């Protein structure tokens, strides 16, 4: 290129771009038409011009260093053109040792555009700063899903709350999907295209999210879809809030409310029971005593003979027996309401309890020629209150005798399965309808007369239900009218509490 008439020099000379050649002394050898036009100088004015007359001294120093070091450099230069207006040019310069020239290319910078870009950059920096302050001020995890690139950004709080790395998770929503609880995944996980081309504007979900330590947090997640002028979704921005502690408190309050409701229902039941007991004590218990007193008064006044009195006594004794049994049950039940029932729970053989009750009730059964049969293994041990089971067994057998016909059979059996003991009292008496069965074990159940005109209070089964449940068991009945009835109850096996 030492020959200035070569093709290369001609290209530089006639180029509309900003091109310059300098010699080792940094004097202009040649400038393109683009330089002449931009700065307003003619060729003869530029040729031989020292760079210090044109460029800033610091920029001249850069060019000198590039020459001596044999490398390239870049800089921006502000210099007034011939008319006095400031012109800003971004230059790149390279030293060409073979040609002994410095080749420079430039690009004019629009100062207005630079100012706008600078203001925009400043506004963007302020927005980023505000965003960072917001993410610091809240405990929520801010997320930003770019629907076009499918990149998802998570703020730093995802590290504080869940132990995951903040920043951008690119490629797809796999990170999010993998950490949503499997049971919530189908309902919660979103996909880009349905969001982009759908009509969703706001999104809210409550779900479980897996933390880095493997535990699950309960989160409330809200998102907003940002759409372009054509309605196509371009971004979705939201906030994920850890509500685990709040949810646990709410659940605890809900459980407490349930317990309060249970206590309230129990108090209402006890109140109804109290009214019923008062009525029984005022009427049913008073009746046999009044009958007995009346007989003695008649006998004392010589209104009846000894023979007549002896004929009246069996019916009164029968009433007194039922009254005595009821008082026994009632007083025991009242005692369980007042004392610490848990202290009465212990291990005992079931057969021993049931055998004693059979013996106790054998005379009552014999009066109707009823046969009592037992099928109770010797080795079954229960974990309950033996006195409660005694009362329950007595009441169920007494009821079976009461509603059985003469010369019938009452079978008592005991079985153990899966550490649960089931006691059955089955008769082939008069039975009950399903409506009558549904009324049992309730405070308002009506008492019925037995097959031999036996009376009762109707309260025994209610006491039995309460005592069985206190022993962590259950009681139920199955019956068919004119076929028979079977009462069953369960209690824990002693194998549960060795």
Foldseek 3Di string as FASTA:
>chain_A
DLPCVDPVNVCQQAPLFFKFKAALQQATCHTHPVVCVVQVDDGVVRGRHHCVVFFPPVVVVVVNVCQVVQAKDKDWTWGHGPVRDTWIKIKIWGQDVVNRIIMMGIDTDDVVVVVVVVVVVVVVVVVVVVVLVVPVVDLWWKWKAFLVQQKIFTDPSLCVPFNDDGGIDGDHCVVFLVFFPPVCNVVDDDGSPCLFPDDDAKDWDWGWGAGPVGDIFIKIKIKGFDHDPVSGTGMIIIIIGGCRVVVVVVVVVVVVVVVVVVVVVVVVQVVLLVVLVVVCVVPLLVVLVVQVVVLVVCVVVVVDDPVVSVVPVVVSVLSVVQSVLVVVLVVVLVVCVPDDQVVQWDKDFPVVLLVVLCVVCVVVLVVLQEAEEEAEDRPFMFTARSVLVSSLSNVLVVVQSQQAHGNWYWYWYWDDDPQKIKIKTKTQGQWDDPVLQVQALGSPRDWDAGPVRRTHSSCSRVSSQVRLVVQVKGKGKDIDGNGIIMIMMMHGTCVVPD
